Protein backbone atom coordinates (compact mmCIF):
# COMPACT_ATOMS: atom_id res chain seq x y z
CA MET A 1 20.19 -14.81 22.29
CA THR A 2 18.27 -16.16 19.29
CA PRO A 3 20.10 -15.66 15.95
CA PHE A 4 18.63 -13.00 13.67
CA ILE A 5 19.30 -11.02 10.49
CA PHE A 6 18.80 -7.27 10.29
CA ASN A 7 18.77 -5.59 6.87
CA THR A 8 18.03 -1.95 6.10
CA THR A 9 18.71 0.85 3.63
CA LYS A 10 22.44 1.53 3.66
CA SER A 11 22.26 5.34 3.59
CA LEU A 12 19.70 7.65 5.23
CA VAL A 13 19.52 11.41 4.74
CA PHE A 14 17.29 13.24 7.26
CA GLU A 15 17.30 16.93 6.37
CA THR A 16 14.63 19.53 5.66
CA GLY A 17 15.09 20.66 2.06
CA ALA A 18 17.35 17.74 1.08
CA SER A 19 15.20 16.82 -1.93
CA SER A 20 15.91 20.21 -3.55
CA ARG A 21 19.59 19.31 -3.80
CA LEU A 22 19.05 15.77 -4.95
CA ALA A 23 21.89 15.79 -7.46
CA GLU A 24 24.37 16.47 -4.67
CA VAL A 25 22.85 13.88 -2.36
CA ALA A 26 22.14 11.07 -4.82
CA GLY A 27 23.12 12.02 -8.37
CA GLN A 28 26.26 9.91 -8.43
CA THR A 29 24.25 6.88 -7.32
CA LEU A 30 21.49 7.33 -9.91
CA GLY A 31 23.68 7.90 -12.98
CA LYS A 32 22.94 10.02 -16.03
CA SER A 33 19.52 8.67 -17.05
CA VAL A 34 17.05 8.81 -14.16
CA LEU A 35 13.54 7.34 -14.19
CA LEU A 36 11.41 9.25 -11.69
CA VAL A 37 8.40 7.19 -10.50
CA THR A 38 5.56 9.14 -8.90
CA ASP A 39 1.78 9.67 -9.00
CA PRO A 40 -0.26 12.23 -10.98
CA GLY A 41 -1.36 14.16 -7.88
CA LEU A 42 2.20 14.81 -6.72
CA ARG A 43 3.25 15.66 -10.27
CA GLN A 44 0.47 18.26 -10.47
CA LEU A 45 1.46 19.73 -7.11
CA GLY A 46 5.03 20.11 -8.33
CA LEU A 47 6.57 18.52 -5.24
CA ALA A 48 9.20 16.73 -7.32
CA ASP A 49 10.10 19.79 -9.42
CA PRO A 50 13.00 21.00 -7.21
CA ALA A 51 14.51 17.50 -7.23
CA MET A 52 14.17 17.28 -11.01
CA ALA A 53 15.66 20.75 -11.46
CA SER A 54 18.61 19.79 -9.27
CA LEU A 55 19.31 16.66 -11.32
CA GLU A 56 18.88 18.39 -14.69
CA ALA A 57 21.13 21.29 -13.69
CA ALA A 58 23.84 18.74 -12.89
CA GLY A 59 23.54 17.15 -16.34
CA HIS A 60 21.23 14.21 -15.57
CA ARG A 61 18.41 13.32 -17.94
CA VAL A 62 15.12 12.80 -16.05
CA THR A 63 12.23 10.78 -17.47
CA VAL A 64 8.99 11.03 -15.46
CA PHE A 65 6.55 8.15 -15.03
CA ASP A 66 3.60 9.62 -13.13
CA LYS A 67 0.82 7.06 -13.57
CA VAL A 68 1.09 5.27 -10.21
CA GLU A 69 -2.32 4.82 -8.57
CA ALA A 70 -3.32 3.78 -5.06
CA ASP A 71 -2.92 -0.01 -4.72
CA PRO A 72 -0.81 -0.04 -7.90
CA SER A 73 -1.57 -2.70 -10.46
CA ARG A 74 0.74 -5.07 -12.26
CA GLU A 75 -0.15 -3.28 -15.49
CA THR A 76 1.06 0.05 -14.09
CA LEU A 77 4.27 -1.57 -12.89
CA MET A 78 5.00 -3.02 -16.33
CA GLN A 79 4.28 0.34 -18.01
CA ALA A 80 6.84 1.94 -15.71
CA VAL A 81 9.37 -0.79 -16.54
CA GLU A 82 8.85 -0.15 -20.25
CA ALA A 83 9.26 3.61 -19.71
CA GLY A 84 12.60 3.00 -18.03
CA ARG A 85 13.74 0.49 -20.62
CA SER A 86 12.91 2.84 -23.51
CA VAL A 87 15.26 5.55 -22.19
CA GLY A 88 18.04 3.28 -20.96
CA ALA A 89 17.54 4.25 -17.31
CA THR A 90 20.68 4.03 -15.20
CA GLY A 91 18.83 4.57 -11.89
CA VAL A 92 15.33 4.79 -10.42
CA LEU A 93 14.05 7.58 -8.18
CA GLY A 94 10.85 6.77 -6.28
CA PHE A 95 9.08 9.92 -5.12
CA GLY A 96 5.78 9.84 -3.22
CA GLY A 97 3.71 7.65 -0.94
CA GLY A 98 4.03 3.92 -0.44
CA SER A 99 2.50 3.08 -3.80
CA SER A 100 5.10 5.04 -5.79
CA LEU A 101 7.95 3.70 -3.68
CA ASP A 102 6.73 0.12 -4.06
CA VAL A 103 6.52 0.47 -7.84
CA ALA A 104 9.97 2.08 -7.98
CA LYS A 105 11.49 -0.87 -6.11
CA LEU A 106 10.21 -3.43 -8.58
CA VAL A 107 11.00 -1.25 -11.60
CA ALA A 108 14.62 -1.14 -10.41
CA LEU A 109 14.59 -4.92 -9.94
CA LEU A 110 13.03 -5.77 -13.30
CA LEU A 111 15.18 -3.30 -15.25
CA GLY A 112 18.35 -4.45 -13.55
CA SER A 113 17.83 -8.19 -13.83
CA ASN A 114 15.14 -8.91 -16.43
CA GLU A 115 13.87 -11.57 -14.06
CA ASP A 116 10.36 -12.96 -14.30
CA LEU A 117 8.05 -11.14 -11.87
CA ASP A 118 6.06 -14.33 -11.30
CA GLU A 119 9.21 -15.98 -9.95
CA ALA A 120 9.93 -13.05 -7.63
CA TRP A 121 6.69 -13.11 -5.60
CA GLY A 122 7.04 -14.22 -2.00
CA VAL A 123 9.90 -14.13 0.49
CA ALA A 124 13.53 -14.12 -0.72
CA GLN A 125 12.60 -15.17 -4.26
CA ALA A 126 13.86 -12.03 -6.03
CA LYS A 127 17.45 -12.61 -7.10
CA GLY A 128 18.49 -9.30 -8.70
CA PRO A 129 20.62 -7.46 -9.44
CA ARG A 130 18.67 -4.21 -9.62
CA LEU A 131 19.37 -0.72 -10.89
CA PRO A 132 20.53 1.92 -8.40
CA LEU A 133 17.52 3.02 -6.35
CA VAL A 134 16.78 6.16 -4.33
CA LEU A 135 13.49 6.63 -2.46
CA VAL A 136 11.97 9.90 -1.24
CA PRO A 137 8.78 9.49 0.86
CA THR A 138 6.20 12.27 0.87
CA THR A 139 4.02 10.71 3.59
CA ALA A 140 4.96 9.64 7.11
CA GLY A 141 3.40 6.20 7.23
CA THR A 142 4.55 3.33 5.07
CA GLY A 143 8.25 3.22 5.92
CA SER A 144 8.66 1.80 2.41
CA GLU A 145 11.97 3.63 2.04
CA VAL A 146 13.59 1.16 4.46
CA THR A 147 11.62 -2.04 3.83
CA PRO A 148 12.47 -4.93 1.47
CA VAL A 149 8.79 -5.29 0.51
CA SER A 150 6.71 -4.20 -2.47
CA ILE A 151 2.96 -4.84 -2.69
CA ILE A 152 1.23 -4.96 -6.07
CA THR A 153 -2.42 -5.62 -6.95
CA VAL A 154 -2.77 -8.55 -9.33
CA GLY A 155 -6.05 -9.04 -11.16
CA ALA A 156 -9.15 -7.40 -9.73
CA GLU A 157 -8.44 -7.68 -6.00
CA GLU A 158 -5.50 -9.89 -5.00
CA LYS A 159 -2.46 -8.22 -3.44
CA ARG A 160 0.89 -9.94 -3.89
CA GLY A 161 4.20 -9.07 -2.35
CA VAL A 162 7.87 -9.31 -3.21
CA SER A 163 9.99 -9.45 -0.05
CA SER A 164 13.73 -9.47 -0.57
CA PRO A 165 16.72 -7.46 0.68
CA VAL A 166 17.61 -7.01 -2.99
CA ILE A 167 14.94 -4.27 -3.30
CA LEU A 168 16.12 -2.21 -0.31
CA PRO A 169 17.19 1.14 -1.78
CA ASP A 170 20.69 2.58 -1.81
CA ILE A 171 19.57 5.89 -0.30
CA ALA A 172 16.43 7.09 1.51
CA ILE A 173 15.88 10.84 1.75
CA LEU A 174 13.61 12.12 4.55
CA ASP A 175 12.64 15.73 3.85
CA ALA A 176 9.96 17.21 6.12
CA ASP A 177 9.27 19.98 3.58
CA LEU A 178 7.60 17.38 1.36
CA THR A 179 5.02 16.46 4.02
CA VAL A 180 3.97 19.95 5.20
CA GLY A 181 1.12 20.21 2.69
CA LEU A 182 -0.25 16.73 3.34
CA PRO A 183 -4.00 16.95 4.11
CA ALA A 184 -5.06 16.24 7.70
CA HIS A 185 -6.98 13.04 6.88
CA ILE A 186 -3.99 11.55 5.04
CA THR A 187 -1.63 12.64 7.81
CA ALA A 188 -3.87 10.88 10.33
CA ALA A 189 -4.26 7.64 8.38
CA THR A 190 -0.60 7.32 7.46
CA GLY A 191 0.45 8.18 11.01
CA VAL A 192 -1.73 5.45 12.50
CA ASP A 193 -0.41 3.09 9.82
CA ALA A 194 3.13 3.75 11.07
CA MET A 195 1.99 3.03 14.64
CA VAL A 196 0.53 -0.28 13.44
CA HIS A 197 3.91 -1.17 11.92
CA ALA A 198 5.64 -0.57 15.23
CA ILE A 199 3.04 -2.46 17.28
CA GLU A 200 2.96 -5.49 15.01
CA ALA A 201 6.76 -5.59 14.72
CA TYR A 202 7.18 -5.52 18.50
CA ALA A 203 4.69 -8.36 19.06
CA SER A 204 5.56 -10.38 15.94
CA LYS A 205 5.88 -14.13 16.39
CA SER A 206 8.44 -14.20 13.58
CA ALA A 207 11.55 -16.22 14.37
CA ASN A 208 13.49 -13.14 13.27
CA ASN A 209 11.96 -10.83 15.90
CA ASN A 210 15.02 -9.28 17.47
CA PRO A 211 16.28 -6.68 19.97
CA LEU A 212 17.00 -4.08 17.25
CA SER A 213 13.46 -4.23 15.86
CA LYS A 214 11.98 -4.02 19.34
CA MET A 215 14.12 -1.00 20.24
CA LEU A 216 13.23 0.76 16.97
CA ALA A 217 9.53 -0.01 17.39
CA ARG A 218 9.46 1.58 20.83
CA GLU A 219 11.26 4.73 19.71
CA ALA A 220 8.92 4.92 16.71
CA LEU A 221 5.89 4.78 19.00
CA ARG A 222 7.37 7.46 21.23
CA LEU A 223 7.88 9.83 18.28
CA LEU A 224 4.57 9.04 16.59
CA GLY A 225 2.46 9.19 19.74
CA ALA A 226 3.97 12.52 20.79
CA ASN A 227 3.61 14.23 17.40
CA ILE A 228 0.67 12.82 15.46
CA GLU A 229 -1.93 15.24 16.84
CA THR A 230 0.25 18.28 16.15
CA ALA A 231 0.99 17.05 12.61
CA VAL A 232 -2.73 16.53 11.92
CA PHE A 233 -4.05 19.74 13.46
CA ASN A 234 -1.08 22.03 12.75
CA GLY A 235 0.37 20.67 9.54
CA GLN A 236 2.84 23.54 9.10
CA ASP A 237 4.81 22.47 12.18
CA LYS A 238 8.02 21.15 10.61
CA ASP A 239 9.33 19.74 13.88
CA ALA A 240 6.24 17.54 14.22
CA ARG A 241 6.37 16.64 10.52
CA GLY A 242 10.03 15.66 10.82
CA ALA A 243 9.36 13.60 13.94
CA MET A 244 6.57 11.75 12.12
CA LEU A 245 8.87 11.01 9.16
CA LEU A 246 11.55 9.71 11.49
CA GLY A 247 9.05 7.66 13.50
CA SER A 248 7.61 6.17 10.32
CA MET A 249 11.09 5.25 9.11
CA LEU A 250 12.05 3.62 12.42
CA ALA A 251 8.81 1.62 12.41
CA GLY A 252 9.65 0.60 8.83
CA GLN A 253 13.06 -0.66 9.90
CA ALA A 254 11.40 -2.59 12.73
CA PHE A 255 8.79 -4.40 10.66
CA ALA A 256 11.16 -4.91 7.72
CA ASN A 257 13.01 -7.33 9.98
CA SER A 258 10.26 -8.45 12.37
CA PRO A 259 7.30 -8.78 10.01
CA VAL A 260 3.74 -7.54 10.51
CA ALA A 261 0.80 -9.83 11.15
CA ALA A 262 -3.00 -10.04 11.34
CA VAL A 263 -3.81 -6.32 11.26
CA HIS A 264 -2.24 -6.10 7.82
CA ALA A 265 -3.59 -9.48 6.70
CA LEU A 266 -7.16 -8.39 7.50
CA ALA A 267 -6.63 -4.88 6.13
CA TYR A 268 -5.69 -6.14 2.67
CA PRO A 269 -9.19 -7.34 1.67
CA ILE A 270 -10.58 -3.97 2.82
CA GLY A 271 -8.21 -2.16 0.50
CA GLY A 272 -8.22 -4.68 -2.32
CA THR A 273 -11.99 -5.09 -2.61
CA PHE A 274 -13.29 -1.70 -1.50
CA HIS A 275 -10.29 0.49 -2.40
CA ILE A 276 -10.01 1.98 1.07
CA PRO A 277 -6.55 3.59 1.54
CA HIS A 278 -4.09 1.26 3.24
CA GLY A 279 -3.55 3.39 6.35
CA LEU A 280 -7.26 3.75 6.99
CA SER A 281 -7.80 0.03 6.35
CA ASN A 282 -5.28 -0.75 9.09
CA ALA A 283 -6.81 1.78 11.48
CA LEU A 284 -10.32 0.36 10.99
CA ILE A 285 -9.26 -3.12 12.02
CA LEU A 286 -6.48 -2.32 14.54
CA PRO A 287 -8.28 -2.26 17.92
CA HIS A 288 -10.34 -5.34 17.07
CA VAL A 289 -7.29 -7.44 16.13
CA LEU A 290 -5.46 -6.29 19.26
CA ARG A 291 -8.43 -7.25 21.46
CA PHE A 292 -8.44 -10.67 19.78
CA ASN A 293 -4.69 -11.00 20.41
CA ALA A 294 -4.80 -9.74 23.99
CA PRO A 295 -5.15 -13.15 25.73
CA ASP A 296 -1.78 -14.16 24.26
CA ALA A 297 -0.09 -10.77 23.81
CA HIS A 298 -1.21 -8.56 26.73
CA MET A 299 2.28 -8.59 28.27
CA LEU A 300 3.81 -7.34 25.02
CA TYR A 301 1.20 -4.63 24.48
CA ALA A 302 1.56 -3.54 28.11
CA GLU A 303 5.32 -3.08 27.60
CA ILE A 304 4.85 -0.56 24.77
CA ALA A 305 1.64 1.15 25.89
CA ALA A 306 3.29 4.09 27.66
CA ASP A 307 5.69 4.68 24.75
CA ALA A 308 2.77 5.85 22.63
CA PHE A 309 0.57 7.15 25.46
CA PRO A 310 2.67 8.22 28.49
CA GLN A 311 -0.41 8.57 30.72
CA ILE A 312 -0.84 4.78 30.64
CA ALA A 313 2.30 4.43 32.77
CA LYS A 314 0.03 5.06 35.77
CA VAL A 315 -2.12 2.01 35.01
CA GLU A 316 -1.16 -1.03 37.08
CA GLY A 317 -1.19 -4.61 35.82
CA SER A 318 -0.39 -5.88 32.34
CA GLN A 319 -3.97 -6.76 31.39
CA ALA A 320 -5.32 -3.39 32.50
CA ARG A 321 -2.47 -1.58 30.75
CA CYS A 322 -3.06 -3.58 27.58
CA ALA A 323 -6.78 -2.71 27.65
CA ALA A 324 -5.98 0.97 28.20
CA PHE A 325 -3.57 0.87 25.24
CA ILE A 326 -6.17 -0.59 22.88
CA ASP A 327 -8.80 1.89 24.03
CA ALA A 328 -6.34 4.78 23.59
CA LEU A 329 -5.62 3.69 20.01
CA ALA A 330 -9.35 3.53 19.22
CA ASP A 331 -9.89 6.94 20.82
CA LEU A 332 -6.96 8.40 18.87
CA SER A 333 -8.57 7.52 15.53
CA LYS A 334 -11.80 9.20 16.63
CA HIS A 335 -9.96 12.27 17.92
CA LEU A 336 -8.08 12.61 14.63
CA GLY A 337 -11.38 12.64 12.73
CA MET A 338 -10.94 9.23 11.10
CA LYS A 339 -13.78 6.90 10.27
CA THR A 340 -13.75 4.04 12.75
CA ARG A 341 -16.28 1.44 11.54
CA LEU A 342 -16.41 -0.63 8.36
CA ARG A 343 -19.96 0.61 7.79
CA ASP A 344 -18.64 4.19 7.83
CA VAL A 345 -16.67 3.48 4.64
CA ASP A 346 -19.68 1.81 2.96
CA ILE A 347 -18.59 -1.80 3.41
CA PRO A 348 -21.78 -3.90 3.59
CA LYS A 349 -22.16 -6.43 6.35
CA ASP A 350 -22.74 -9.21 3.85
CA ALA A 351 -19.17 -8.70 2.57
CA ILE A 352 -17.68 -9.96 5.82
CA ALA A 353 -17.66 -13.65 4.85
CA LYS A 354 -15.74 -13.01 1.63
CA MET A 355 -13.27 -10.72 3.36
CA ALA A 356 -12.64 -13.38 6.00
CA SER A 357 -12.00 -15.94 3.29
CA ASP A 358 -9.77 -13.56 1.33
CA SER A 359 -7.69 -12.70 4.41
CA MET A 360 -6.66 -16.35 4.72
CA VAL A 361 -4.57 -15.92 1.55
CA GLN A 362 -2.18 -13.76 3.60
CA GLN A 363 -0.56 -16.66 5.42
CA ARG A 364 2.89 -15.04 5.09
CA LEU A 365 1.56 -12.39 7.53
CA LEU A 366 -0.79 -14.48 9.65
CA VAL A 367 2.04 -16.79 10.73
CA ASN A 368 3.58 -13.79 12.54
CA ASN A 369 0.50 -13.06 14.65
CA PRO A 370 0.83 -13.65 18.40
CA ARG A 371 -2.40 -15.68 18.31
CA GLU A 372 -3.50 -18.07 15.57
CA VAL A 373 -6.27 -16.64 13.36
CA THR A 374 -8.76 -18.96 11.69
CA GLU A 375 -11.27 -17.92 9.04
CA ARG A 376 -13.98 -17.94 11.74
CA ASP A 377 -11.81 -15.68 13.90
CA ALA A 378 -11.33 -13.30 10.98
CA PHE A 379 -15.11 -13.23 10.44
CA ASN A 380 -15.67 -12.34 14.09
CA ILE A 381 -13.02 -9.60 14.00
CA TYR A 382 -14.60 -8.03 10.91
CA GLU A 383 -18.02 -8.30 12.50
CA ALA A 384 -16.75 -6.48 15.60
CA ALA A 385 -15.28 -3.78 13.33
CA TRP A 386 -18.51 -3.36 11.36
């Protein structure tokens, strides 16, 4: 067996209502001065209020930083760091979607180590230490609560990542109550995003692709495929919501150790330039990248097809099963009411050349793709998606 390394969050709490007793679950880890990192929408909805009340009742001081935006900027990150520094934060609590969790990871790193962010970009460059870190996802999609990755927008459009086990949190809390009110379109986009994580992890060409990641990716696809429609169309179903959270987390563990590839690389220019949400960006490009990969990856896609879509088990032959899998993913996006073409989200056709060029910056992801992607290939994939 090929050697591999598998890192993940050391403690997971899966329990409906767990966030409302956060002091009991994570107070000792966070310490007396807690910086809560979230976004203004969640703050307005009051989703974090029970967690804050729990901490404050137990004698913790909670400082809220609620300025995290979609595709968070370096400026926002540094404002959050300053907010934590000014109150002598002893721990960081990330509460929200992937953007808030990503910011929380780097706030904990920069407060705990004072290291230069510019020296931390890339893979295994962050040295730490970091402050204690607890992450509470409110969407079932990013898996950020179990990944060693944080993505930040630098300048006008460029996305940069820090990838290091140092920023894996101490505790991840999965509370289905927090996802019940998630709008259908966000539930759909984040759910497909989680499926992308599982698919790309399973087929990753990374030298660290491993049996654990493959096993987790398949179980993630089973949970996500079986529950995404119920979660979108009957959002009050806590069993479906919990299954989506668990599936998202398992997919996160898979791709944290067997990294994602061209779907994400080509999605980043869509999000960075046109500010399309990350999950939808992935969904828009997914079937077209998979069709491009199929000549080299059809056996891999055929192996996982029936995990997400059990009816495909009846299809004979790896190429036919692979094709049915890709078609089923495209049909799923339509069925869930998602936009499926680049033109549908107002991306002009004359932007394709720049997006293709910009995607080539993501070599840390492209090297994991089952099939090599040139700039001309990226152009053709975008054109097919337009």
